[in-house]
N, C-alpha and C. Protein backbone atom coordinates (compact mmCIF):
# COMPACT_ATOMS: atom_id res chain seq x y z
N MET A 1 -85.60 2.49 168.36
CA MET A 1 -84.94 2.28 169.64
C MET A 1 -83.64 3.09 169.66
N THR A 2 -83.43 3.79 170.75
CA THR A 2 -82.20 4.56 170.93
C THR A 2 -81.26 3.79 171.84
N THR A 3 -80.00 3.75 171.47
CA THR A 3 -78.98 3.10 172.30
C THR A 3 -77.90 4.12 172.60
N THR A 4 -77.51 4.20 173.85
CA THR A 4 -76.38 5.03 174.24
C THR A 4 -75.36 4.16 174.96
N VAL A 5 -74.12 4.57 174.90
CA VAL A 5 -73.05 3.90 175.64
C VAL A 5 -72.51 4.92 176.63
N THR A 6 -72.47 4.52 177.90
CA THR A 6 -71.97 5.40 178.93
C THR A 6 -70.82 4.70 179.65
N PRO A 7 -69.62 5.26 179.61
CA PRO A 7 -68.52 4.63 180.33
C PRO A 7 -68.79 4.61 181.83
N TYR A 8 -68.36 3.53 182.48
CA TYR A 8 -68.49 3.41 183.94
C TYR A 8 -67.10 3.09 184.48
N LEU A 9 -66.49 4.07 185.13
CA LEU A 9 -65.13 3.94 185.63
C LEU A 9 -65.12 3.48 187.08
N SER A 10 -64.10 2.74 187.44
CA SER A 10 -63.88 2.34 188.84
C SER A 10 -62.62 3.02 189.34
N PHE A 11 -62.69 3.50 190.58
CA PHE A 11 -61.56 4.15 191.20
C PHE A 11 -61.27 3.49 192.55
N PRO A 12 -60.03 3.60 193.03
CA PRO A 12 -59.66 2.99 194.32
C PRO A 12 -59.91 3.92 195.50
N GLY A 13 -61.11 4.50 195.58
CA GLY A 13 -61.41 5.43 196.66
C GLY A 13 -61.20 6.89 196.30
N THR A 14 -61.02 7.20 195.02
CA THR A 14 -60.75 8.58 194.59
C THR A 14 -61.84 9.15 193.68
N THR A 15 -63.00 8.52 193.63
CA THR A 15 -64.07 9.01 192.74
C THR A 15 -64.44 10.45 193.07
N ARG A 16 -64.63 10.75 194.34
CA ARG A 16 -65.04 12.11 194.73
C ARG A 16 -64.02 13.15 194.25
N GLU A 17 -62.75 12.89 194.47
CA GLU A 17 -61.68 13.81 194.05
C GLU A 17 -61.60 13.89 192.53
N ALA A 18 -61.69 12.75 191.86
CA ALA A 18 -61.61 12.73 190.39
C ALA A 18 -62.77 13.51 189.78
N TYR A 19 -63.97 13.32 190.29
CA TYR A 19 -65.13 14.00 189.71
C TYR A 19 -65.11 15.50 189.97
N ALA A 20 -64.61 15.93 191.11
CA ALA A 20 -64.46 17.37 191.36
C ALA A 20 -63.47 17.95 190.34
N PHE A 21 -62.39 17.22 190.08
CA PHE A 21 -61.39 17.64 189.09
C PHE A 21 -62.00 17.69 187.69
N TYR A 22 -62.73 16.64 187.29
CA TYR A 22 -63.33 16.61 185.95
C TYR A 22 -64.40 17.67 185.78
N ALA A 23 -65.18 17.93 186.82
CA ALA A 23 -66.21 18.97 186.73
C ALA A 23 -65.56 20.32 186.44
N LYS A 24 -64.51 20.63 187.17
CA LYS A 24 -63.81 21.90 186.97
C LYS A 24 -63.09 21.93 185.62
N THR A 25 -62.37 20.87 185.31
CA THR A 25 -61.54 20.81 184.11
C THR A 25 -62.36 20.80 182.83
N LEU A 26 -63.46 20.06 182.83
CA LEU A 26 -64.24 19.86 181.60
C LEU A 26 -65.51 20.69 181.55
N GLY A 27 -65.75 21.54 182.55
CA GLY A 27 -66.97 22.34 182.58
C GLY A 27 -68.21 21.46 182.71
N ALA A 28 -68.05 20.34 183.42
CA ALA A 28 -69.12 19.37 183.58
C ALA A 28 -69.88 19.62 184.88
N THR A 29 -70.95 18.87 185.06
CA THR A 29 -71.78 18.96 186.26
C THR A 29 -71.86 17.59 186.92
N ILE A 30 -71.62 17.55 188.22
CA ILE A 30 -71.80 16.30 188.96
C ILE A 30 -73.29 16.20 189.27
N GLU A 31 -73.96 15.24 188.64
CA GLU A 31 -75.39 15.08 188.84
C GLU A 31 -75.72 14.14 190.00
N THR A 32 -74.84 13.18 190.25
CA THR A 32 -75.05 12.23 191.33
C THR A 32 -73.73 11.95 192.02
N MET A 33 -73.76 11.88 193.35
CA MET A 33 -72.59 11.48 194.13
C MET A 33 -73.14 10.75 195.36
N MET A 34 -73.34 9.43 195.21
CA MET A 34 -73.96 8.64 196.27
C MET A 34 -72.91 7.76 196.94
N SER A 35 -72.79 7.92 198.25
CA SER A 35 -71.82 7.11 198.99
C SER A 35 -72.43 5.76 199.36
N TYR A 36 -71.58 4.84 199.77
CA TYR A 36 -72.08 3.54 200.24
C TYR A 36 -73.01 3.73 201.44
N ALA A 37 -72.72 4.71 202.28
CA ALA A 37 -73.57 4.97 203.45
C ALA A 37 -74.96 5.46 203.04
N ASP A 38 -75.08 6.06 201.85
CA ASP A 38 -76.37 6.54 201.36
C ASP A 38 -77.21 5.45 200.72
N MET A 39 -76.64 4.28 200.53
CA MET A 39 -77.29 3.20 199.81
C MET A 39 -78.52 2.72 200.59
N PRO A 40 -79.68 2.70 199.93
CA PRO A 40 -80.88 2.22 200.63
C PRO A 40 -80.84 0.70 200.80
N ALA A 41 -81.51 0.23 201.81
CA ALA A 41 -81.64 -1.21 202.00
C ALA A 41 -82.52 -1.76 200.89
N SER A 42 -82.22 -2.97 200.45
CA SER A 42 -83.03 -3.59 199.41
C SER A 42 -83.40 -5.00 199.85
N PRO A 43 -84.43 -5.57 199.26
CA PRO A 43 -84.83 -6.94 199.63
C PRO A 43 -83.68 -7.94 199.43
N ALA A 44 -82.81 -7.70 198.45
CA ALA A 44 -81.72 -8.63 198.17
C ALA A 44 -80.70 -8.69 199.30
N ASN A 45 -80.56 -7.59 200.06
CA ASN A 45 -79.56 -7.61 201.12
C ASN A 45 -80.13 -7.34 202.51
N ALA A 46 -81.43 -7.42 202.66
CA ALA A 46 -82.05 -7.09 203.95
C ALA A 46 -81.65 -8.04 205.07
N ASP A 47 -81.52 -9.33 204.78
CA ASP A 47 -81.21 -10.30 205.82
C ASP A 47 -79.73 -10.40 206.13
N THR A 48 -78.90 -10.41 205.11
CA THR A 48 -77.48 -10.69 205.31
C THR A 48 -76.60 -9.47 205.11
N GLY A 49 -77.14 -8.42 204.55
CA GLY A 49 -76.31 -7.24 204.29
C GLY A 49 -75.98 -7.08 202.84
N CYS A 50 -75.94 -8.16 202.09
CA CYS A 50 -75.69 -8.03 200.67
C CYS A 50 -76.02 -9.32 199.95
N ALA A 51 -76.20 -9.24 198.64
CA ALA A 51 -76.69 -10.36 197.85
C ALA A 51 -75.79 -11.59 197.98
N ASP A 52 -74.49 -11.40 198.20
CA ASP A 52 -73.60 -12.57 198.30
C ASP A 52 -73.46 -13.05 199.75
N GLY A 53 -74.25 -12.50 200.67
CA GLY A 53 -74.21 -12.94 202.05
C GLY A 53 -73.24 -12.17 202.93
N GLY A 54 -72.39 -11.34 202.35
CA GLY A 54 -71.44 -10.56 203.12
C GLY A 54 -72.06 -9.26 203.60
N ALA A 55 -71.29 -8.52 204.36
CA ALA A 55 -71.77 -7.22 204.85
C ALA A 55 -71.72 -6.21 203.71
N PRO A 56 -72.70 -5.29 203.66
CA PRO A 56 -72.68 -4.28 202.61
C PRO A 56 -71.54 -3.29 202.86
N PRO A 57 -71.00 -2.73 201.78
CA PRO A 57 -69.99 -1.69 201.99
C PRO A 57 -70.61 -0.52 202.75
N THR A 58 -69.82 0.14 203.56
CA THR A 58 -70.32 1.29 204.31
C THR A 58 -69.33 2.43 204.16
N GLY A 59 -69.72 3.59 204.64
CA GLY A 59 -68.81 4.71 204.73
C GLY A 59 -68.91 5.70 203.59
N ASP A 60 -67.84 6.47 203.47
CA ASP A 60 -67.80 7.61 202.57
C ASP A 60 -67.41 7.25 201.14
N GLY A 61 -67.04 5.99 200.89
CA GLY A 61 -66.71 5.58 199.53
C GLY A 61 -67.89 5.82 198.61
N ILE A 62 -67.61 6.12 197.36
CA ILE A 62 -68.67 6.44 196.40
C ILE A 62 -69.18 5.17 195.72
N MET A 63 -70.46 4.91 195.89
CA MET A 63 -71.10 3.76 195.26
C MET A 63 -71.43 4.07 193.80
N HIS A 64 -71.91 5.29 193.53
CA HIS A 64 -72.28 5.68 192.17
C HIS A 64 -72.16 7.19 192.02
N ALA A 65 -71.57 7.59 190.91
CA ALA A 65 -71.49 9.01 190.57
C ALA A 65 -71.82 9.17 189.09
N CYS A 66 -72.41 10.30 188.76
CA CYS A 66 -72.73 10.62 187.37
C CYS A 66 -72.21 12.01 187.06
N LEU A 67 -71.40 12.10 186.02
CA LEU A 67 -70.85 13.37 185.55
C LEU A 67 -71.49 13.67 184.21
N ALA A 68 -72.13 14.83 184.07
CA ALA A 68 -72.75 15.25 182.82
C ALA A 68 -71.85 16.28 182.14
N LEU A 69 -71.41 15.95 180.94
CA LEU A 69 -70.53 16.83 180.17
C LEU A 69 -71.36 17.81 179.36
N PRO A 70 -70.80 18.98 179.01
CA PRO A 70 -71.52 19.87 178.11
C PRO A 70 -71.85 19.12 176.82
N GLY A 71 -73.08 19.26 176.35
CA GLY A 71 -73.49 18.56 175.14
C GLY A 71 -74.27 17.29 175.43
N GLY A 72 -74.30 16.84 176.69
CA GLY A 72 -75.15 15.73 177.06
C GLY A 72 -74.49 14.39 177.35
N ALA A 73 -73.23 14.20 176.99
CA ALA A 73 -72.57 12.92 177.30
C ALA A 73 -72.43 12.78 178.81
N MET A 74 -72.41 11.53 179.27
CA MET A 74 -72.26 11.25 180.70
C MET A 74 -71.14 10.24 180.91
N ILE A 75 -70.54 10.31 182.10
CA ILE A 75 -69.57 9.31 182.55
C ILE A 75 -70.01 8.91 183.95
N PHE A 76 -70.17 7.62 184.17
CA PHE A 76 -70.50 7.09 185.49
C PHE A 76 -69.22 6.58 186.14
N ALA A 77 -69.23 6.50 187.47
CA ALA A 77 -68.07 5.97 188.19
C ALA A 77 -68.46 5.58 189.60
N GLY A 78 -67.56 4.87 190.24
CA GLY A 78 -67.72 4.52 191.63
C GLY A 78 -66.42 3.97 192.18
N ASP A 79 -66.30 4.00 193.49
CA ASP A 79 -65.14 3.41 194.15
C ASP A 79 -65.32 1.90 194.24
N VAL A 80 -64.26 1.17 194.04
CA VAL A 80 -64.31 -0.27 194.20
C VAL A 80 -64.69 -0.57 195.66
N PRO A 81 -65.65 -1.47 195.87
CA PRO A 81 -66.05 -1.77 197.24
C PRO A 81 -64.88 -2.29 198.08
N PRO A 82 -64.90 -2.02 199.38
CA PRO A 82 -63.84 -2.51 200.26
C PRO A 82 -63.67 -4.02 200.11
N GLY A 83 -62.44 -4.46 200.10
CA GLY A 83 -62.14 -5.89 200.00
C GLY A 83 -62.03 -6.41 198.58
N MET A 84 -62.44 -5.61 197.60
CA MET A 84 -62.32 -6.03 196.20
C MET A 84 -61.02 -5.47 195.64
N PRO A 85 -60.35 -6.25 194.80
CA PRO A 85 -59.08 -5.75 194.24
C PRO A 85 -59.32 -4.65 193.21
N PHE A 86 -58.37 -3.75 193.11
CA PHE A 86 -58.39 -2.71 192.07
C PHE A 86 -57.12 -2.85 191.27
N ASP A 87 -57.27 -3.15 189.99
CA ASP A 87 -56.11 -3.36 189.12
C ASP A 87 -55.87 -2.18 188.18
N GLY A 88 -56.53 -1.08 188.41
CA GLY A 88 -56.37 0.08 187.55
C GLY A 88 -57.36 0.04 186.40
N ILE A 89 -57.38 1.13 185.66
CA ILE A 89 -58.26 1.24 184.49
C ILE A 89 -57.40 0.86 183.29
N LYS A 90 -57.76 -0.24 182.63
CA LYS A 90 -56.93 -0.77 181.55
C LYS A 90 -57.76 -1.02 180.30
N GLY A 91 -57.13 -0.83 179.16
CA GLY A 91 -57.75 -1.22 177.91
C GLY A 91 -58.85 -0.31 177.41
N VAL A 92 -58.93 0.91 177.93
CA VAL A 92 -59.95 1.84 177.48
C VAL A 92 -59.39 3.27 177.50
N MET A 93 -59.87 4.08 176.59
CA MET A 93 -59.49 5.50 176.53
C MET A 93 -60.76 6.29 176.27
N LEU A 94 -60.94 7.39 176.99
CA LEU A 94 -62.08 8.27 176.74
C LEU A 94 -61.66 9.32 175.72
N ALA A 95 -62.46 9.48 174.68
CA ALA A 95 -62.14 10.43 173.61
C ALA A 95 -63.03 11.67 173.73
N LEU A 96 -62.41 12.82 173.71
CA LEU A 96 -63.11 14.10 173.75
C LEU A 96 -62.99 14.78 172.39
N GLN A 97 -64.10 15.29 171.87
CA GLN A 97 -64.12 16.01 170.59
C GLN A 97 -64.47 17.47 170.87
N TYR A 98 -63.66 18.38 170.37
CA TYR A 98 -63.94 19.81 170.53
C TYR A 98 -64.01 20.47 169.16
N ASP A 99 -64.84 21.53 169.08
CA ASP A 99 -65.00 22.25 167.82
C ASP A 99 -63.78 23.07 167.46
N THR A 100 -63.02 23.53 168.47
CA THR A 100 -61.89 24.41 168.19
C THR A 100 -60.60 23.87 168.80
N VAL A 101 -59.50 24.35 168.25
CA VAL A 101 -58.18 24.01 168.78
C VAL A 101 -58.02 24.55 170.20
N ASP A 102 -58.49 25.76 170.44
CA ASP A 102 -58.35 26.36 171.77
C ASP A 102 -59.10 25.56 172.84
N GLN A 103 -60.30 25.07 172.53
CA GLN A 103 -61.05 24.25 173.49
C GLN A 103 -60.28 22.95 173.78
N ALA A 104 -59.76 22.33 172.73
CA ALA A 104 -59.02 21.08 172.90
C ALA A 104 -57.75 21.32 173.72
N ARG A 105 -57.04 22.37 173.42
CA ARG A 105 -55.81 22.68 174.14
C ARG A 105 -56.08 22.95 175.62
N SER A 106 -57.14 23.68 175.90
CA SER A 106 -57.49 23.98 177.29
C SER A 106 -57.79 22.69 178.07
N ALA A 107 -58.61 21.81 177.50
CA ALA A 107 -58.94 20.54 178.16
C ALA A 107 -57.70 19.67 178.31
N PHE A 108 -56.90 19.58 177.27
CA PHE A 108 -55.69 18.75 177.29
C PHE A 108 -54.73 19.23 178.38
N ASP A 109 -54.48 20.53 178.40
CA ASP A 109 -53.55 21.09 179.40
C ASP A 109 -54.06 20.85 180.82
N ALA A 110 -55.36 21.04 181.04
CA ALA A 110 -55.91 20.86 182.38
C ALA A 110 -55.89 19.39 182.80
N LEU A 111 -56.29 18.48 181.91
CA LEU A 111 -56.30 17.06 182.24
C LEU A 111 -54.90 16.51 182.48
N SER A 112 -53.92 17.08 181.82
CA SER A 112 -52.55 16.55 181.95
C SER A 112 -51.84 16.98 183.23
N GLN A 113 -52.41 17.94 183.97
CA GLN A 113 -51.79 18.39 185.22
C GLN A 113 -51.68 17.22 186.20
N GLY A 114 -50.45 16.86 186.55
CA GLY A 114 -50.22 15.75 187.46
C GLY A 114 -50.30 14.39 186.79
N GLY A 115 -50.55 14.36 185.50
CA GLY A 115 -50.64 13.11 184.75
C GLY A 115 -49.45 12.94 183.83
N GLN A 116 -49.63 12.14 182.80
CA GLN A 116 -48.54 11.87 181.86
C GLN A 116 -49.05 12.03 180.43
N VAL A 117 -48.41 12.90 179.67
CA VAL A 117 -48.73 13.07 178.26
C VAL A 117 -48.07 11.92 177.50
N THR A 118 -48.88 11.16 176.76
CA THR A 118 -48.34 10.06 175.97
C THR A 118 -48.16 10.44 174.51
N MET A 119 -48.90 11.45 174.06
CA MET A 119 -48.73 12.01 172.72
C MET A 119 -49.13 13.49 172.79
N PRO A 120 -48.16 14.39 172.64
CA PRO A 120 -48.49 15.82 172.71
C PRO A 120 -49.49 16.22 171.63
N LEU A 121 -50.23 17.29 171.89
CA LEU A 121 -51.14 17.81 170.87
C LEU A 121 -50.36 18.16 169.62
N ALA A 122 -50.84 17.71 168.49
CA ALA A 122 -50.19 17.97 167.20
C ALA A 122 -51.24 17.78 166.10
N PRO A 123 -50.96 18.34 164.93
CA PRO A 123 -51.90 18.14 163.81
C PRO A 123 -52.01 16.66 163.44
N SER A 124 -53.19 16.29 162.98
CA SER A 124 -53.43 14.94 162.47
C SER A 124 -54.24 15.06 161.19
N PHE A 125 -54.46 13.95 160.53
CA PHE A 125 -55.23 14.02 159.28
C PHE A 125 -56.74 14.10 159.53
N TRP A 126 -57.21 13.84 160.77
CA TRP A 126 -58.64 13.88 161.08
C TRP A 126 -59.04 15.10 161.91
N ALA A 127 -58.05 15.80 162.48
CA ALA A 127 -58.34 16.99 163.29
C ALA A 127 -57.14 17.92 163.25
N GLU A 128 -57.41 19.21 163.46
CA GLU A 128 -56.30 20.16 163.46
C GLU A 128 -55.32 19.86 164.58
N VAL A 129 -55.82 19.34 165.72
CA VAL A 129 -54.94 18.86 166.79
C VAL A 129 -55.50 17.59 167.39
N PHE A 130 -54.58 16.74 167.82
CA PHE A 130 -54.92 15.50 168.50
C PHE A 130 -53.81 15.19 169.49
N GLY A 131 -54.18 14.72 170.68
CA GLY A 131 -53.19 14.31 171.66
C GLY A 131 -53.76 13.28 172.62
N MET A 132 -52.86 12.59 173.31
CA MET A 132 -53.28 11.57 174.27
C MET A 132 -52.54 11.77 175.59
N LEU A 133 -53.21 11.41 176.69
CA LEU A 133 -52.61 11.53 178.01
C LEU A 133 -53.29 10.57 178.97
N THR A 134 -52.62 10.30 180.05
CA THR A 134 -53.23 9.59 181.18
C THR A 134 -53.22 10.57 182.34
N ASP A 135 -54.41 10.84 182.88
CA ASP A 135 -54.49 11.84 183.95
C ASP A 135 -54.00 11.28 185.28
N ARG A 136 -53.98 12.12 186.29
CA ARG A 136 -53.43 11.74 187.60
C ARG A 136 -54.27 10.67 188.31
N PHE A 137 -55.46 10.36 187.78
CA PHE A 137 -56.30 9.33 188.36
C PHE A 137 -56.20 8.01 187.59
N GLY A 138 -55.35 7.98 186.57
CA GLY A 138 -55.14 6.77 185.79
C GLY A 138 -56.08 6.59 184.62
N VAL A 139 -56.84 7.62 184.27
CA VAL A 139 -57.76 7.55 183.13
C VAL A 139 -57.04 8.04 181.89
N ALA A 140 -57.10 7.24 180.81
CA ALA A 140 -56.50 7.62 179.53
C ALA A 140 -57.51 8.44 178.72
N TRP A 141 -57.01 9.51 178.12
CA TRP A 141 -57.84 10.42 177.33
C TRP A 141 -57.22 10.63 175.96
N ALA A 142 -58.06 10.75 174.94
CA ALA A 142 -57.68 11.21 173.61
C ALA A 142 -58.44 12.51 173.38
N VAL A 143 -57.73 13.56 173.00
CA VAL A 143 -58.36 14.87 172.83
C VAL A 143 -58.21 15.31 171.38
N ASN A 144 -59.34 15.59 170.74
CA ASN A 144 -59.38 16.04 169.35
C ASN A 144 -59.91 17.47 169.31
N GLY A 145 -59.31 18.30 168.47
CA GLY A 145 -59.78 19.67 168.31
C GLY A 145 -59.89 20.06 166.85
N ALA A 146 -61.00 20.68 166.50
CA ALA A 146 -61.26 21.17 165.15
C ALA A 146 -61.18 20.04 164.12
N PRO A 147 -62.23 19.23 164.07
CA PRO A 147 -62.22 18.10 163.13
C PRO A 147 -62.06 18.57 161.69
N ILE A 148 -61.39 17.76 160.91
CA ILE A 148 -61.20 18.03 159.48
C ILE A 148 -62.24 17.23 158.72
N GLN A 149 -62.97 17.90 157.85
CA GLN A 149 -64.01 17.24 157.06
C GLN A 149 -63.38 16.43 155.94
N PHE A 150 -63.82 15.18 155.85
CA PHE A 150 -63.35 14.30 154.79
C PHE A 150 -64.25 14.42 153.57
N GLN A 151 -63.68 14.27 152.40
CA GLN A 151 -64.46 14.23 151.17
C GLN A 151 -64.99 12.82 150.98
N LYS A 152 -66.26 12.71 150.64
CA LYS A 152 -66.86 11.37 150.42
C LYS A 152 -66.60 10.89 149.01
């Protein structure tokens, strides 16, 4: 049995903008960008509009998006439905691993535009460079470049 873990991020109406930024910044591909208006009717919400009896979300907000990174990793996301609170993305950091320092530096510099660097890129004992930042969309990232091989 194969198990994969795919992060699923929530945004306050900025999924479309964030994914366009990540596609450009990370050399990724947006595989899915489905708005609430694109959502098909289902038996669960056919009578009342939604499973909880309320009206289904409508409009241009993103219900589901899939970003495919080079190498096969994916990140899912969507906008918080109207009327639901958004408290930000907390308690999680996405870690990127690059084979070279230059690749890591390029991603780090691009992701940090408009965001906040919490730890500048610097040598570490596990990689030639490591740094942390929170991007302009509130997503925390750890960027590793040129991993150092440990002796067993």
